[in-house]
């Protein structure tokens, strides 16, 4: 029986900024439009957070029952480490998906029905990332899904449920958040290239190889600051997001200098902190 601390570790807390920060940025855009509705923002944040936790438990279950996690280096895997029965982890994943669905129904009820389709697509994408007979996460499509759902859907969706419109700032702000989320996934998969290749899990990192995955990570942490420069033409306050740039240097140096295995684990936390700082500053800039 897994302890509470093991369940928390199994939720992979270093990855959770990926879900919350886009909601913060979307709320910043809504505030800049003069239409921020805080209870809707909080509900959108809840949806995003429990979906992310559900994804992590789902991946833990699916990879664990396939045996992919048996030799993996990194945070605790509940099933792979045999600290929790697969059925319990699966139940936790679907419990999170259910909670997200209920909260999403409330947001759809006060805005528009087609949000139900977006919510359903998000849950299906969460499950089939590593679940089912042909998971797309094993077909080098993980980064595309992360960019779409943790960038475009999360930011633009948060803006829509508050302003009930789709201003261009929502789409522009979604791009750097999607890139940073891809960076987080890239460094995770970079660490796991040897074990994923051995188990037949074809992530984008396995396809690109060690060198080009490191280049991709560096691009994902650099390009968001270039996007800020573009946004700042009509919104000069967005430039305050550049204050987060120094936080991109330590993890990028570690990755480009060839860190492997356990040495990449701290990079996850550093990338998460970069994402938080960048997102909060960009949200404030867009709100102003």
C-alpha atoms as a PDB file:
ATOM      1  CA  UNK A   1       0.000   0.000   0.000  1.00  0.00           C
ATOM      2  CA  UNK A   2       1.504   3.315  -1.085  1.00  0.00           C
ATOM      3  CA  UNK A   3       1.861   6.061   1.513  1.00  0.00           C
ATOM      4  CA  UNK A   4       0.499   9.579   1.034  1.00  0.00           C
ATOM      5  CA  UNK A   5       3.998  10.893   0.290  1.00  0.00           C
ATOM      6  CA  UNK A   6       4.439   8.200  -2.363  1.00  0.00           C
ATOM      7  CA  UNK A   7       1.124   9.152  -3.980  1.00  0.00           C
ATOM      8  CA  UNK A   8       2.259  12.783  -4.015  1.00  0.00           C
ATOM      9  CA  UNK A   9       5.599  11.787  -5.542  1.00  0.00           C
ATOM     10  CA  UNK A  10       3.741   9.653  -8.074  1.00  0.00           C
ATOM     11  CA  UNK A  11       1.769  12.719  -9.184  1.00  0.00           C
ATOM     12  CA  UNK A  12       5.139  14.136 -10.348  1.00  0.00           C
ATOM     13  CA  UNK A  13       4.839  17.577  -8.715  1.00  0.00           C
ATOM     14  CA  UNK A  14       7.725  19.010 -10.768  1.00  0.00           C
ATOM     15  CA  UNK A  15       5.530  18.746 -13.859  1.00  0.00           C
ATOM     16  CA  UNK A  16       2.459  20.460 -12.379  1.00  0.00           C
ATOM     17  CA  UNK A  17       3.438  24.045 -13.304  1.00  0.00           C
ATOM     18  CA  UNK A  18       2.834  22.904 -16.887  1.00  0.00           C
ATOM     19  CA  UNK A  19      -0.898  22.888 -16.158  1.00  0.00           C
ATOM     20  CA  UNK A  20      -1.304  25.855 -13.817  1.00  0.00           C
ATOM     21  CA  UNK A  21       0.915  28.482 -15.456  1.00  0.00           C
ATOM     22  CA  UNK A  22      -1.049  28.611 -18.753  1.00  0.00           C
ATOM     23  CA  UNK A  23      -4.192  29.383 -16.730  1.00  0.00           C
ATOM     24  CA  UNK A  24      -2.357  32.218 -14.982  1.00  0.00           C
ATOM     25  CA  UNK A  25      -1.268  33.621 -18.348  1.00  0.00           C
ATOM     26  CA  UNK A  26      -4.759  33.263 -19.803  1.00  0.00           C
ATOM     27  CA  UNK A  27      -6.154  35.131 -16.816  1.00  0.00           C
ATOM     28  CA  UNK A  28      -3.575  37.866 -17.401  1.00  0.00           C
ATOM     29  CA  UNK A  29      -4.849  38.224 -20.962  1.00  0.00           C
ATOM     30  CA  UNK A  30      -8.443  38.354 -19.696  1.00  0.00           C
ATOM     31  CA  UNK A  31      -7.499  41.011 -17.136  1.00  0.00           C
ATOM     32  CA  UNK A  32      -5.869  43.044 -19.894  1.00  0.00           C
ATOM     33  CA  UNK A  33      -9.159  42.849 -21.796  1.00  0.00           C
ATOM     34  CA  UNK A  34     -10.937  44.115 -18.680  1.00  0.00           C
ATOM     35  CA  UNK A  35     -13.011  40.948 -18.302  1.00  0.00           C
ATOM     36  CA  UNK A  36     -11.257  38.704 -15.758  1.00  0.00           C
ATOM     37  CA  UNK A  37     -13.742  36.543 -13.842  1.00  0.00           C
ATOM     38  CA  UNK A  38     -11.836  35.065 -10.964  1.00  0.00           C
ATOM     39  CA  UNK A  39     -14.093  32.165 -10.027  1.00  0.00           C
ATOM     40  CA  UNK A  40     -13.987  30.959 -13.633  1.00  0.00           C
ATOM     41  CA  UNK A  41     -10.196  31.324 -13.639  1.00  0.00           C
ATOM     42  CA  UNK A  42      -9.936  29.254 -10.450  1.00  0.00           C
ATOM     43  CA  UNK A  43     -12.241  26.594 -11.880  1.00  0.00           C
ATOM     44  CA  UNK A  44     -10.178  26.493 -15.104  1.00  0.00           C
ATOM     45  CA  UNK A  45      -7.068  26.102 -12.948  1.00  0.00           C
ATOM     46  CA  UNK A  46      -8.664  23.202 -11.085  1.00  0.00           C
ATOM     47  CA  UNK A  47      -9.566  21.500 -14.374  1.00  0.00           C
ATOM     48  CA  UNK A  48      -6.023  21.905 -15.694  1.00  0.00           C
ATOM     49  CA  UNK A  49      -4.372  20.718 -12.469  1.00  0.00           C
ATOM     50  CA  UNK A  50      -6.429  17.565 -11.940  1.00  0.00           C
ATOM     51  CA  UNK A  51      -6.121  16.691 -15.627  1.00  0.00           C
ATOM     52  CA  UNK A  52      -2.325  16.922 -15.308  1.00  0.00           C
ATOM     53  CA  UNK A  53      -2.321  14.735 -12.209  1.00  0.00           C
ATOM     54  CA  UNK A  54      -4.632  12.311 -14.007  1.00  0.00           C
ATOM     55  CA  UNK A  55      -2.241  12.217 -16.980  1.00  0.00           C
ATOM     56  CA  UNK A  56       0.672  11.437 -14.677  1.00  0.00           C
ATOM     57  CA  UNK A  57      -1.177   8.616 -12.907  1.00  0.00           C
ATOM     58  CA  UNK A  58      -2.432   7.319 -16.252  1.00  0.00           C
ATOM     59  CA  UNK A  59       1.108   7.257 -17.643  1.00  0.00           C
ATOM     60  CA  UNK A  60       2.330   5.580 -14.467  1.00  0.00           C
ATOM     61  CA  UNK A  61      -0.306   2.862 -14.876  1.00  0.00           C
ATOM     62  CA  UNK A  62       0.098   2.298 -18.623  1.00  0.00           C
ATOM     63  CA  UNK A  63       3.914   2.316 -18.621  1.00  0.00           C
ATOM     64  CA  UNK A  64       3.964   0.214 -15.475  1.00  0.00           C
ATOM     65  CA  UNK A  65       1.779  -2.605 -16.793  1.00  0.00           C
ATOM     66  CA  UNK A  66       3.796  -2.648 -20.048  1.00  0.00           C
ATOM     67  CA  UNK A  67       7.049  -2.918 -18.087  1.00  0.00           C
ATOM     68  CA  UNK A  68       8.412   0.318 -19.567  1.00  0.00           C
ATOM     69  CA  UNK A  69       9.169   1.774 -16.120  1.00  0.00           C
ATOM     70  CA  UNK A  70      11.034  -1.169 -14.627  1.00  0.00           C
ATOM     71  CA  UNK A  71      14.523   0.268 -15.269  1.00  0.00           C
ATOM     72  CA  UNK A  72      13.633   3.965 -15.518  1.00  0.00           C
ATOM     73  CA  UNK A  73      15.747   6.633 -13.814  1.00  0.00           C
ATOM     74  CA  UNK A  74      13.804   9.491 -12.273  1.00  0.00           C
ATOM     75  CA  UNK A  75      10.867  10.245  -9.973  1.00  0.00           C
ATOM     76  CA  UNK A  76       8.986   7.438  -8.259  1.00  0.00           C
ATOM     77  CA  UNK A  77       6.701   5.318 -10.424  1.00  0.00           C
ATOM     78  CA  UNK A  78       3.941   3.774  -8.362  1.00  0.00           C
ATOM     79  CA  UNK A  79       3.276   0.740 -10.554  1.00  0.00           C
ATOM     80  CA  UNK A  80       6.804   0.252 -11.895  1.00  0.00           C
ATOM     81  CA  UNK A  81       8.221   0.354  -8.348  1.00  0.00           C
ATOM     82  CA  UNK A  82       5.414  -1.933  -7.111  1.00  0.00           C
ATOM     83  CA  UNK A  83       4.443   0.403  -4.269  1.00  0.00           C
ATOM     84  CA  UNK A  84       0.808   0.584  -5.445  1.00  0.00           C
ATOM     85  CA  UNK A  85      -1.393  -1.955  -7.266  1.00  0.00           C
ATOM     86  CA  UNK A  86      -2.107  -1.053 -10.908  1.00  0.00           C
ATOM     87  CA  UNK A  87      -5.875  -0.969 -10.278  1.00  0.00           C
ATOM     88  CA  UNK A  88      -5.459   1.697  -7.581  1.00  0.00           C
ATOM     89  CA  UNK A  89      -3.345   3.902  -9.844  1.00  0.00           C
ATOM     90  CA  UNK A  90      -5.833   3.466 -12.685  1.00  0.00           C
ATOM     91  CA  UNK A  91      -8.691   4.395 -10.344  1.00  0.00           C
ATOM     92  CA  UNK A  92      -6.794   7.511  -9.239  1.00  0.00           C
ATOM     93  CA  UNK A  93      -6.277   8.528 -12.874  1.00  0.00           C
ATOM     94  CA  UNK A  94      -9.954   8.130 -13.769  1.00  0.00           C
ATOM     95  CA  UNK A  95     -10.967   9.862 -10.551  1.00  0.00           C
ATOM     96  CA  UNK A  96      -8.959  12.894 -11.629  1.00  0.00           C
ATOM     97  CA  UNK A  97     -10.460  12.780 -15.117  1.00  0.00           C
ATOM     98  CA  UNK A  98     -13.934  12.620 -13.595  1.00  0.00           C
ATOM     99  CA  UNK A  99     -13.293  15.609 -11.327  1.00  0.00           C
ATOM    100  CA  UNK A 100     -12.010  17.595 -14.308  1.00  0.00           C
ATOM    101  CA  UNK A 101     -15.091  16.638 -16.314  1.00  0.00           C
ATOM    102  CA  UNK A 102     -17.487  17.849 -13.600  1.00  0.00           C
ATOM    103  CA  UNK A 103     -15.708  21.198 -13.253  1.00  0.00           C
ATOM    104  CA  UNK A 104     -15.555  21.505 -17.042  1.00  0.00           C
ATOM    105  CA  UNK A 105     -19.323  20.958 -17.245  1.00  0.00           C
ATOM    106  CA  UNK A 106     -19.830  23.976 -15.007  1.00  0.00           C
ATOM    107  CA  UNK A 107     -17.661  26.166 -17.251  1.00  0.00           C
ATOM    108  CA  UNK A 108     -19.467  24.904 -20.352  1.00  0.00           C
ATOM    109  CA  UNK A 109     -22.844  25.591 -18.747  1.00  0.00           C
ATOM    110  CA  UNK A 110     -22.012  29.270 -18.189  1.00  0.00           C
ATOM    111  CA  UNK A 111     -20.302  29.812 -21.560  1.00  0.00           C
ATOM    112  CA  UNK A 112     -20.887  27.544 -24.553  1.00  0.00           C
ATOM    113  CA  UNK A 113     -21.636  23.894 -25.288  1.00  0.00           C
ATOM    114  CA  UNK A 114     -18.650  23.299 -27.578  1.00  0.00           C
ATOM    115  CA  UNK A 115     -16.337  23.472 -24.568  1.00  0.00           C
ATOM    116  CA  UNK A 116     -17.646  19.972 -23.846  1.00  0.00           C
ATOM    117  CA  UNK A 117     -15.923  18.795 -27.026  1.00  0.00           C
ATOM    118  CA  UNK A 118     -12.670  20.465 -25.972  1.00  0.00           C
ATOM    119  CA  UNK A 119     -12.903  18.823 -22.556  1.00  0.00           C
ATOM    120  CA  UNK A 120     -13.617  15.409 -24.044  1.00  0.00           C
ATOM    121  CA  UNK A 121     -10.668  15.778 -26.434  1.00  0.00           C
ATOM    122  CA  UNK A 122      -8.419  16.731 -23.508  1.00  0.00           C
ATOM    123  CA  UNK A 123      -9.407  13.651 -21.493  1.00  0.00           C
ATOM    124  CA  UNK A 124      -9.003  11.343 -24.487  1.00  0.00           C
ATOM    125  CA  UNK A 125      -5.591  12.855 -25.241  1.00  0.00           C
ATOM    126  CA  UNK A 126      -4.600  12.365 -21.609  1.00  0.00           C
ATOM    127  CA  UNK A 127      -5.522   8.674 -21.639  1.00  0.00           C
ATOM    128  CA  UNK A 128      -4.236   7.688 -25.074  1.00  0.00           C
ATOM    129  CA  UNK A 129      -0.849   9.356 -24.530  1.00  0.00           C
ATOM    130  CA  UNK A 130       0.376   6.055 -23.104  1.00  0.00           C
ATOM    131  CA  UNK A 131      -2.920   4.159 -22.754  1.00  0.00           C
ATOM    132  CA  UNK A 132      -4.706   1.876 -25.180  1.00  0.00           C
ATOM    133  CA  UNK A 133      -3.235  -0.505 -27.745  1.00  0.00           C
ATOM    134  CA  UNK A 134      -1.518   2.170 -29.862  1.00  0.00           C
ATOM    135  CA  UNK A 135      -0.533   5.068 -27.563  1.00  0.00           C
ATOM    136  CA  UNK A 136       0.541   8.119 -29.533  1.00  0.00           C
ATOM    137  CA  UNK A 137       3.198   8.923 -26.917  1.00  0.00           C
ATOM    138  CA  UNK A 138       5.015   5.838 -28.259  1.00  0.00           C
ATOM    139  CA  UNK A 139       4.857   7.280 -31.785  1.00  0.00           C
ATOM    140  CA  UNK A 140       6.877  10.488 -31.239  1.00  0.00           C
ATOM    141  CA  UNK A 141       3.715  12.637 -31.028  1.00  0.00           C
ATOM    142  CA  UNK A 142       3.970  13.621 -27.371  1.00  0.00           C
ATOM    143  CA  UNK A 143       5.414  17.086 -27.950  1.00  0.00           C
ATOM    144  CA  UNK A 144       2.690  17.958 -30.461  1.00  0.00           C
ATOM    145  CA  UNK A 145       0.006  17.002 -27.946  1.00  0.00           C
ATOM    146  CA  UNK A 146       1.724  18.932 -25.153  1.00  0.00           C
ATOM    147  CA  UNK A 147       2.019  22.061 -27.318  1.00  0.00           C
ATOM    148  CA  UNK A 148      -1.656  21.864 -28.265  1.00  0.00           C
ATOM    149  CA  UNK A 149      -3.173  21.051 -24.871  1.00  0.00           C
ATOM    150  CA  UNK A 150      -0.757  22.748 -22.446  1.00  0.00           C
ATOM    151  CA  UNK A 151      -0.261  25.725 -24.741  1.00  0.00           C
ATOM    152  CA  UNK A 152      -3.100  26.520 -27.112  1.00  0.00           C
ATOM    153  CA  UNK A 153      -6.018  24.833 -25.340  1.00  0.00           C
ATOM    154  CA  UNK A 154      -5.008  25.822 -21.807  1.00  0.00           C
ATOM    155  CA  UNK A 155      -4.279  29.494 -22.481  1.00  0.00           C
ATOM    156  CA  UNK A 156      -6.932  30.189 -25.122  1.00  0.00           C
ATOM    157  CA  UNK A 157      -9.529  28.166 -23.213  1.00  0.00           C
ATOM    158  CA  UNK A 158      -8.849  30.110 -20.018  1.00  0.00           C
ATOM    159  CA  UNK A 159      -9.252  33.386 -21.879  1.00  0.00           C
ATOM    160  CA  UNK A 160     -12.463  32.246 -23.547  1.00  0.00           C
ATOM    161  CA  UNK A 161     -14.280  31.152 -20.383  1.00  0.00           C
ATOM    162  CA  UNK A 162     -13.682  34.650 -18.964  1.00  0.00           C
ATOM    163  CA  UNK A 163     -14.061  37.050 -21.910  1.00  0.00           C
ATOM    164  CA  UNK A 164     -16.135  34.733 -24.164  1.00  0.00           C
ATOM    165  CA  UNK A 165     -13.986  35.788 -27.083  1.00  0.00           C
ATOM    166  CA  UNK A 166     -10.689  34.887 -28.748  1.00  0.00           C
ATOM    167  CA  UNK A 167      -8.381  37.932 -28.833  1.00  0.00           C
ATOM    168  CA  UNK A 168      -5.095  37.545 -30.703  1.00  0.00           C
ATOM    169  CA  UNK A 169      -3.168  38.024 -27.457  1.00  0.00           C
ATOM    170  CA  UNK A 170      -4.534  34.679 -26.252  1.00  0.00           C
ATOM    171  CA  UNK A 171      -3.025  32.830 -29.218  1.00  0.00           C
ATOM    172  CA  UNK A 172       0.261  34.750 -29.026  1.00  0.00           C
ATOM    173  CA  UNK A 173       0.664  34.033 -25.309  1.00  0.00           C
ATOM    174  CA  UNK A 174      -0.183  30.365 -25.832  1.00  0.00           C
ATOM    175  CA  UNK A 175       2.824  29.751 -28.091  1.00  0.00           C
ATOM    176  CA  UNK A 176       5.626  30.346 -25.533  1.00  0.00           C
ATOM    177  CA  UNK A 177       3.733  28.402 -22.861  1.00  0.00           C
ATOM    178  CA  UNK A 178       3.417  25.477 -25.252  1.00  0.00           C
ATOM    179  CA  UNK A 179       7.129  25.655 -26.008  1.00  0.00           C
ATOM    180  CA  UNK A 180       8.107  25.626 -22.341  1.00  0.00           C
ATOM    181  CA  UNK A 181       5.833  22.641 -21.757  1.00  0.00           C
ATOM    182  CA  UNK A 182       7.541  20.865 -24.660  1.00  0.00           C
ATOM    183  CA  UNK A 183      10.896  21.681 -23.074  1.00  0.00           C
ATOM    184  CA  UNK A 184       9.823  19.981 -19.868  1.00  0.00           C
ATOM    185  CA  UNK A 185       8.767  16.868 -21.769  1.00  0.00           C
ATOM    186  CA  UNK A 186      11.928  16.947 -23.895  1.00  0.00           C
ATOM    187  CA  UNK A 187      14.281  16.866 -20.916  1.00  0.00           C
ATOM    188  CA  UNK A 188      12.223  14.102 -19.315  1.00  0.00           C
ATOM    189  CA  UNK A 189      12.425  12.005 -22.482  1.00  0.00           C
ATOM    190  CA  UNK A 190      16.095  12.887 -22.995  1.00  0.00           C
ATOM    191  CA  UNK A 191      16.855  11.309 -19.641  1.00  0.00           C
ATOM    192  CA  UNK A 192      14.877   8.206 -20.598  1.00  0.00           C
ATOM    193  CA  UNK A 193      16.285   7.626 -24.114  1.00  0.00           C
ATOM    194  CA  UNK A 194      18.274   4.474 -23.148  1.00  0.00           C
ATOM    195  CA  UNK A 195      15.400   2.751 -21.323  1.00  0.00           C
ATOM    196  CA  UNK A 196      12.746   3.906 -23.803  1.00  0.00           C
ATOM    197  CA  UNK A 197      14.807   2.619 -26.739  1.00  0.00           C
ATOM    198  CA  UNK A 198      15.290  -0.704 -24.970  1.00  0.00           C
ATOM    199  CA  UNK A 199      11.557  -1.072 -24.219  1.00  0.00           C
ATOM    200  CA  UNK A 200      10.448  -0.009 -27.710  1.00  0.00           C
ATOM    201  CA  UNK A 201       8.928   3.308 -26.635  1.00  0.00           C
ATOM    202  CA  UNK A 202       9.528   5.617 -29.613  1.00  0.00           C
ATOM    203  CA  UNK A 203       9.409   9.122 -28.142  1.00  0.00           C
ATOM    204  CA  UNK A 204      10.505  12.126 -30.184  1.00  0.00           C
ATOM    205  CA  UNK A 205      13.748  12.071 -28.192  1.00  0.00           C
ATOM    206  CA  UNK A 206      14.392   8.488 -29.308  1.00  0.00           C
ATOM    207  CA  UNK A 207      13.699   9.470 -32.929  1.00  0.00           C
ATOM    208  CA  UNK A 208      15.850  12.626 -32.842  1.00  0.00           C
ATOM    209  CA  UNK A 209      18.635  11.125 -30.781  1.00  0.00           C
ATOM    210  CA  UNK A 210      20.584  12.597 -27.890  1.00  0.00           C
ATOM    211  CA  UNK A 211      22.195  15.555 -29.675  1.00  0.00           C
ATOM    212  CA  UNK A 212      19.149  16.969 -31.452  1.00  0.00           C
ATOM    213  CA  UNK A 213      16.932  16.482 -28.405  1.00  0.00           C
ATOM    214  CA  UNK A 214      19.321  18.744 -26.497  1.00  0.00           C
ATOM    215  CA  UNK A 215      19.097  21.325 -29.292  1.00  0.00           C
ATOM    216  CA  UNK A 216      15.311  21.088 -29.198  1.00  0.00           C
ATOM    217  CA  UNK A 217      15.305  21.706 -25.442  1.00  0.00           C
ATOM    218  CA  UNK A 218      17.495  24.786 -25.858  1.00  0.00           C
ATOM    219  CA  UNK A 219      15.143  26.113 -28.539  1.00  0.00           C
ATOM    220  CA  UNK A 220      12.118  25.559 -26.290  1.00  0.00           C
ATOM    221  CA  UNK A 221      13.688  27.647 -23.521  1.00  0.00           C
ATOM    222  CA  UNK A 222      14.978  30.431 -25.819  1.00  0.00           C
ATOM    223  CA  UNK A 223      12.122  31.018 -28.278  1.00  0.00           C
ATOM    224  CA  UNK A 224       9.602  32.144 -25.623  1.00  0.00           C
ATOM    225  CA  UNK A 225      11.693  35.251 -25.012  1.00  0.00           C
ATOM    226  CA  UNK A 226      11.667  36.061 -28.723  1.00  0.00           C
ATOM    227  CA  UNK A 227       7.884  35.795 -28.694  1.00  0.00           C
ATOM    228  CA  UNK A 228       7.820  38.347 -25.879  1.00  0.00           C
ATOM    229  CA  UNK A 229       9.673  40.804 -28.103  1.00  0.00           C
ATOM    230  CA  UNK A 230       6.986  40.385 -30.762  1.00  0.00           C
ATOM    231  CA  UNK A 231       4.131  40.782 -28.275  1.00  0.00           C
ATOM    232  CA  UNK A 232       5.729  43.875 -26.763  1.00  0.00           C
ATOM    233  CA  UNK A 233       5.141  45.992 -29.878  1.00  0.00           C
ATOM    234  CA  UNK A 234       1.511  46.689 -28.907  1.00  0.00           C
ATOM    235  CA  UNK A 235       1.975  45.610 -25.260  1.00  0.00           C
ATOM    236  CA  UNK A 236       5.289  47.040 -23.962  1.00  0.00           C
ATOM    237  CA  UNK A 237       4.633  45.836 -20.403  1.00  0.00           C
ATOM    238  CA  UNK A 238       5.062  42.259 -21.684  1.00  0.00           C
ATOM    239  CA  UNK A 239       8.800  42.948 -21.713  1.00  0.00           C
ATOM    240  CA  UNK A 240       8.937  42.314 -17.976  1.00  0.00           C
ATOM    241  CA  UNK A 241       8.823  38.602 -18.849  1.00  0.00           C
ATOM    242  CA  UNK A 242      12.439  39.018 -19.988  1.00  0.00           C
ATOM    243  CA  UNK A 243      13.369  39.178 -16.292  1.00  0.00           C
ATOM    244  CA  UNK A 244      12.917  35.401 -16.260  1.00  0.00           C
ATOM    245  CA  UNK A 245      15.645  34.905 -18.878  1.00  0.00           C
ATOM    246  CA  UNK A 246      18.470  34.244 -16.362  1.00  0.00           C
ATOM    247  CA  UNK A 247      16.523  31.251 -15.053  1.00  0.00           C
ATOM    248  CA  UNK A 248      16.817  29.606 -18.460  1.00  0.00           C
ATOM    249  CA  UNK A 249      20.615  29.553 -18.346  1.00  0.00           C
ATOM    250  CA  UNK A 250      21.412  26.889 -15.667  1.00  0.00           C
ATOM    251  CA  UNK A 251      19.140  24.144 -17.066  1.00  0.00           C
ATOM    252  CA  UNK A 252      20.093  24.901 -20.666  1.00  0.00           C
ATOM    253  CA  UNK A 253      23.790  24.761 -19.793  1.00  0.00           C
ATOM    254  CA  UNK A 254      23.346  21.403 -18.069  1.00  0.00           C
ATOM    255  CA  UNK A 255      21.511  19.990 -21.082  1.00  0.00           C
ATOM    256  CA  UNK A 256      23.932  21.364 -23.682  1.00  0.00           C
ATOM    257  CA  UNK A 257      26.951  20.276 -21.614  1.00  0.00           C
ATOM    258  CA  UNK A 258      25.812  16.657 -21.829  1.00  0.00           C
ATOM    259  CA  UNK A 259      24.120  15.913 -18.493  1.00  0.00           C
ATOM    260  CA  UNK A 260      22.610  12.410 -18.484  1.00  0.00           C
ATOM    261  CA  UNK A 261      20.578  10.148 -16.218  1.00  0.00           C
ATOM    262  CA  UNK A 262      20.129  11.386 -12.638  1.00  0.00           C
ATOM    263  CA  UNK A 263      21.983  14.625 -13.495  1.00  0.00           C
ATOM    264  CA  UNK A 264      18.964  15.626 -15.594  1.00  0.00           C
ATOM    265  CA  UNK A 265      16.479  15.258 -12.743  1.00  0.00           C
ATOM    266  CA  UNK A 266      17.238  18.743 -11.285  1.00  0.00           C
ATOM    267  CA  UNK A 267      16.712  20.188 -14.766  1.00  0.00           C
ATOM    268  CA  UNK A 268      13.030  19.265 -14.481  1.00  0.00           C
ATOM    269  CA  UNK A 269      12.695  21.439 -11.375  1.00  0.00           C
ATOM    270  CA  UNK A 270      14.697  24.270 -12.914  1.00  0.00           C
ATOM    271  CA  UNK A 271      12.572  24.184 -16.065  1.00  0.00           C
ATOM    272  CA  UNK A 272       9.449  24.243 -13.930  1.00  0.00           C
ATOM    273  CA  UNK A 273      10.717  27.313 -12.055  1.00  0.00           C
ATOM    274  CA  UNK A 274      11.526  29.004 -15.363  1.00  0.00           C
ATOM    275  CA  UNK A 275       8.013  28.268 -16.562  1.00  0.00           C
ATOM    276  CA  UNK A 276       6.478  29.704 -13.388  1.00  0.00           C
ATOM    277  CA  UNK A 277       8.552  32.890 -13.444  1.00  0.00           C
ATOM    278  CA  UNK A 278       8.044  33.461 -17.161  1.00  0.00           C
ATOM    279  CA  UNK A 279       4.311  32.794 -16.954  1.00  0.00           C
ATOM    280  CA  UNK A 280       3.657  34.998 -13.935  1.00  0.00           C
ATOM    281  CA  UNK A 281       5.669  37.889 -15.378  1.00  0.00           C
ATOM    282  CA  UNK A 282       4.020  37.579 -18.791  1.00  0.00           C
ATOM    283  CA  UNK A 283       0.590  37.458 -17.133  1.00  0.00           C
ATOM    284  CA  UNK A 284       1.319  40.616 -15.176  1.00  0.00           C
ATOM    285  CA  UNK A 285       2.662  42.371 -18.286  1.00  0.00           C
ATOM    286  CA  UNK A 286      -0.390  41.471 -20.353  1.00  0.00           C
ATOM    287  CA  UNK A 287      -2.747  42.456 -17.529  1.00  0.00           C
ATOM    288  CA  UNK A 288      -1.095  45.877 -17.328  1.00  0.00           C
END
